[in-house]
Protein backbone atom coordinates (compact mmCIF):
# COMPACT_ATOMS: atom_id res chain seq x y z
CA MET A 1 3.47 -23.65 61.91
CA LYS A 2 1.88 -24.92 58.70
CA ARG A 3 3.86 -27.14 55.95
CA VAL A 4 4.08 -25.96 52.45
CA ILE A 5 2.93 -29.20 50.46
CA PRO A 6 5.50 -29.67 47.59
CA GLY A 7 2.70 -30.50 44.86
CA ILE A 8 1.75 -27.10 45.25
CA ILE A 9 4.95 -25.29 44.62
CA VAL A 10 5.62 -27.48 41.62
CA ILE A 11 1.96 -26.32 40.17
CA THR A 12 2.35 -22.97 41.14
CA SER A 13 5.54 -22.39 39.33
CA ALA A 14 4.07 -24.32 36.10
CA ILE A 15 1.60 -21.85 36.14
CA LEU A 16 4.05 -18.57 36.50
CA PHE A 17 6.00 -20.35 33.75
CA LEU A 18 3.09 -20.91 31.35
CA LEU A 19 1.98 -17.21 32.05
CA GLY A 20 5.47 -15.95 31.61
CA GLY A 21 5.59 -17.47 27.97
CA CYS A 22 2.45 -16.08 26.96
CA ALA A 23 3.15 -12.53 27.89
CA GLY A 24 6.39 -13.11 26.25
CA LYS A 25 4.57 -14.12 22.89
CA ARG A 26 2.22 -10.98 23.35
CA ALA A 27 5.57 -8.91 23.61
CA ALA A 28 6.46 -9.94 20.37
CA VAL A 29 5.18 -7.26 17.91
CA LYS A 30 5.79 -7.68 14.56
CA GLU A 31 8.26 -4.52 13.35
CA PRO A 32 7.26 -2.35 10.64
CA PRO A 33 8.66 -2.79 7.23
CA GLU A 34 11.77 -0.59 6.67
CA LEU A 35 10.21 1.86 3.54
CA PRO A 36 12.25 3.89 0.61
CA GLU A 37 12.31 7.50 2.20
CA LEU A 38 9.48 9.68 1.08
CA GLN A 39 10.28 13.02 -1.41
CA THR A 40 8.17 16.18 0.02
CA ARG A 41 7.50 19.52 -1.98
CA THR A 42 5.35 22.27 -0.75
CA GLU A 43 3.88 25.08 -3.47
CA LYS A 44 1.47 27.62 -2.62
CA GLY A 45 0.10 25.89 0.80
CA VAL A 46 0.00 22.34 -0.66
CA THR A 47 2.50 19.51 0.61
CA LEU A 48 2.85 16.27 -1.29
CA SER A 49 5.06 13.56 -0.58
CA VAL A 50 5.68 10.67 -2.56
CA ARG A 51 7.74 7.01 -2.48
CA TYR A 52 7.83 3.87 -4.89
CA LEU A 53 7.10 1.03 -2.86
CA ASP A 54 9.03 -1.76 -4.32
CA GLU A 55 8.33 -5.70 -4.11
CA LYS A 56 9.94 -6.11 -0.96
CA SER A 57 8.40 -2.88 0.84
CA LEU A 58 4.57 -4.29 -0.23
CA VAL A 59 5.54 -7.76 0.96
CA GLY A 60 6.43 -6.12 4.17
CA LEU A 61 2.96 -4.33 4.29
CA TYR A 62 0.84 -6.43 3.15
CA GLY A 63 2.42 -9.76 3.13
CA LYS A 64 2.72 -12.33 -0.03
CA ARG A 65 -0.77 -13.63 -0.11
CA ASN A 66 -3.95 -11.74 -0.70
CA ASN A 67 -1.88 -9.07 -1.59
CA PRO A 68 -3.28 -6.83 -4.96
CA TYR A 69 0.11 -5.33 -5.43
CA ILE A 70 2.12 -8.19 -6.49
CA LEU A 71 1.97 -9.49 -10.07
CA THR A 72 3.77 -12.11 -11.83
CA GLY A 73 3.99 -12.45 -15.53
CA VAL A 74 3.49 -10.13 -18.35
CA HIS A 75 2.25 -7.42 -16.58
CA ARG A 76 3.71 -5.26 -13.54
CA LEU A 77 2.52 -2.78 -11.14
CA MET A 78 4.22 0.06 -9.94
CA VAL A 79 2.81 1.44 -6.77
CA PHE A 80 3.44 4.82 -5.45
CA GLU A 81 2.42 5.91 -2.02
CA LEU A 82 0.87 9.54 -2.30
CA GLN A 83 0.82 11.43 1.16
CA THR A 84 -1.22 15.28 0.80
CA LEU A 85 -1.59 17.95 3.32
CA SER A 86 -2.81 21.32 2.54
CA GLU A 87 -3.84 24.75 4.32
CA LYS A 88 -6.74 25.13 1.93
CA GLU A 89 -8.85 22.92 0.30
CA ALA A 90 -7.76 21.28 -2.87
CA TYR A 91 -8.23 18.19 -4.77
CA ILE A 92 -6.51 15.70 -7.05
CA ASN A 93 -7.77 13.51 -10.07
CA LEU A 94 -6.14 10.49 -10.33
CA LYS A 95 -6.96 10.40 -14.01
CA MET A 96 -5.02 13.48 -14.22
CA ILE A 97 -1.68 12.13 -12.73
CA GLU A 98 0.68 11.32 -15.10
CA LEU A 99 4.06 8.83 -14.95
CA GLN A 100 6.52 9.07 -17.83
CA VAL A 101 8.41 5.78 -18.38
CA ALA A 102 10.74 5.81 -20.70
CA GLY A 103 9.27 8.66 -22.89
CA ARG A 104 6.08 7.15 -22.70
CA ALA A 105 2.98 8.65 -20.72
CA LYS A 106 1.02 5.90 -18.39
CA ILE A 107 -1.75 7.00 -16.25
CA PRO A 108 -2.73 5.49 -12.97
CA SER A 109 -5.16 2.70 -12.80
CA GLY A 110 -8.51 3.06 -10.43
CA ARG A 111 -10.07 0.52 -7.90
CA MET A 112 -12.32 -0.89 -10.40
CA LYS A 113 -9.67 -1.85 -13.04
CA LEU A 114 -7.49 -3.52 -10.28
CA SER A 115 -10.58 -5.19 -8.73
CA HIS A 116 -11.63 -6.31 -12.83
CA LEU A 117 -7.98 -7.73 -12.87
CA TRP A 118 -7.94 -9.61 -9.74
CA LYS A 119 -11.66 -10.81 -10.30
CA LEU A 120 -10.54 -12.34 -13.34
CA LYS A 121 -6.62 -14.19 -12.21
CA LEU A 122 -8.42 -15.47 -8.94
CA ASP A 123 -11.36 -16.96 -10.94
CA GLY A 124 -9.05 -18.21 -13.28
CA SER A 125 -7.26 -19.69 -10.18
CA ARG A 126 -10.20 -21.80 -8.70
CA GLY A 127 -10.62 -23.43 -12.04
CA GLY A 128 -6.76 -24.22 -12.26
CA GLY A 129 -6.13 -22.27 -15.24
CA PRO A 130 -3.01 -20.40 -15.96
CA HIS A 131 -3.41 -18.56 -12.49
CA ASP A 132 -2.91 -21.26 -10.08
CA ARG A 133 -0.76 -19.77 -8.40
CA TYR A 134 -3.08 -17.82 -7.15
CA ARG A 135 -5.16 -20.90 -5.51
CA GLY A 136 -6.32 -20.50 -1.92
CA TRP A 137 -6.39 -16.28 -1.96
CA SER A 138 -9.50 -14.61 -0.93
CA SER A 139 -11.24 -12.53 -3.08
CA GLY A 140 -12.83 -10.42 -0.13
CA ILE A 141 -9.47 -9.76 1.44
CA VAL A 142 -7.92 -8.63 -2.10
CA GLN A 143 -10.90 -6.79 -2.48
CA LYS A 144 -10.65 -4.87 1.16
CA ARG A 145 -7.33 -4.11 0.60
CA ILE A 146 -7.98 -2.18 -2.77
CA ASN A 147 -10.92 -0.53 -1.62
CA GLU A 148 -8.53 0.67 1.91
CA THR A 149 -5.44 1.32 0.60
CA MET A 150 -5.94 2.67 -3.31
CA ALA A 151 -6.41 6.48 -3.75
CA PRO A 152 -9.90 7.06 -5.17
CA ILE A 153 -10.55 8.89 -8.26
CA ASP A 154 -11.07 12.19 -6.63
CA MET A 155 -8.90 12.67 -3.92
CA ARG A 156 -10.16 15.41 -1.63
CA ILE A 157 -7.90 17.54 0.25
CA HIS A 158 -9.19 19.02 3.27
CA PRO A 159 -7.38 22.24 5.51
CA GLY A 160 -5.12 20.63 8.16
CA LYS A 161 -6.08 17.05 7.31
CA HIS A 162 -3.04 14.41 6.36
CA TYR A 163 -4.36 11.67 3.98
CA SER A 164 -2.46 8.86 2.37
CA GLY A 165 -3.28 6.44 -0.66
CA LEU A 166 -1.60 4.12 -3.39
CA VAL A 167 -1.43 5.01 -6.61
CA VAL A 168 -0.93 2.17 -9.09
CA VAL A 169 0.41 2.15 -12.83
CA MET A 170 0.06 -1.07 -14.79
CA LYS A 171 2.51 -1.64 -17.40
CA ARG A 172 4.92 -4.35 -19.34
CA ALA A 173 7.22 -6.21 -17.09
CA PRO A 174 10.70 -4.76 -18.53
CA ARG A 175 12.15 -2.45 -15.46
CA TYR A 176 13.27 1.13 -15.85
CA GLY A 177 16.22 2.82 -13.78
CA SER A 178 14.11 6.21 -13.56
CA VAL A 179 10.39 7.60 -13.96
CA ILE A 180 8.90 10.80 -13.42
CA LEU A 181 5.56 11.11 -11.79
CA PHE A 182 3.57 14.21 -12.36
CA VAL A 183 0.73 15.12 -9.79
CA PRO A 184 -1.38 18.22 -10.42
CA VAL A 185 -3.14 19.67 -7.53
CA PHE A 186 -6.52 22.10 -8.31
CA ASP A 187 -8.52 24.30 -6.17
CA THR A 188 -11.99 24.04 -5.50
CA GLN A 189 -12.97 26.15 -8.37
CA GLY A 190 -10.91 23.79 -11.04
CA GLU A 191 -7.91 26.15 -11.25
CA LEU A 192 -4.34 24.53 -11.05
CA ILE A 193 -2.54 25.22 -8.03
CA HIS A 194 0.83 23.87 -9.10
CA ASN A 195 1.68 20.71 -11.29
CA PHE A 196 3.90 18.77 -8.67
CA ARG A 197 7.12 17.21 -10.48
CA PHE A 198 8.89 13.68 -8.72
CA GLU A 199 11.93 11.89 -10.30
CA ILE A 200 12.03 8.61 -8.72
CA GLU A 201 14.20 5.64 -9.18
CA VAL A 202 12.41 2.19 -9.41
């Protein structure tokens, strides 16, 4: 009968312990952030869903660093997630969307405007200027997130295909309790299908 060498038992136990530890680390998957409920409207075969993403939601989605939707200072970004689903071909023009805040109408910013804003801030941070709080941020990551998550100027809605993008409105810092978001949807001939209205607490 062969003897089992104690050293081998110790080594084997150590290997199994390490493997178990690695497996445990792999199993620790980050939970998705809890987001506000969507408001959903359906008119003439077109379904739109909207929700306001506050700072906590945005940090949960994209983190505190390299997050193009978190601003401090004079300006504030109001970010809305817009989801679309349609039975027919339709489109949304970002510049036709209107946000009513305290009796004033605001139009969403496009990717180019937000990218330009962050270019100025990140260039300033490298020079140790007034935007030093963003030192160490990656302009490449910021730009990639803008391109991947912001809604384009022209949003094409294809039948049966779900789309989700962020609508961003830049405004002065004071906060308001309630805003109204109007999202007109047009058919391929440019005729209005419906002007969707969402009243949202922010």
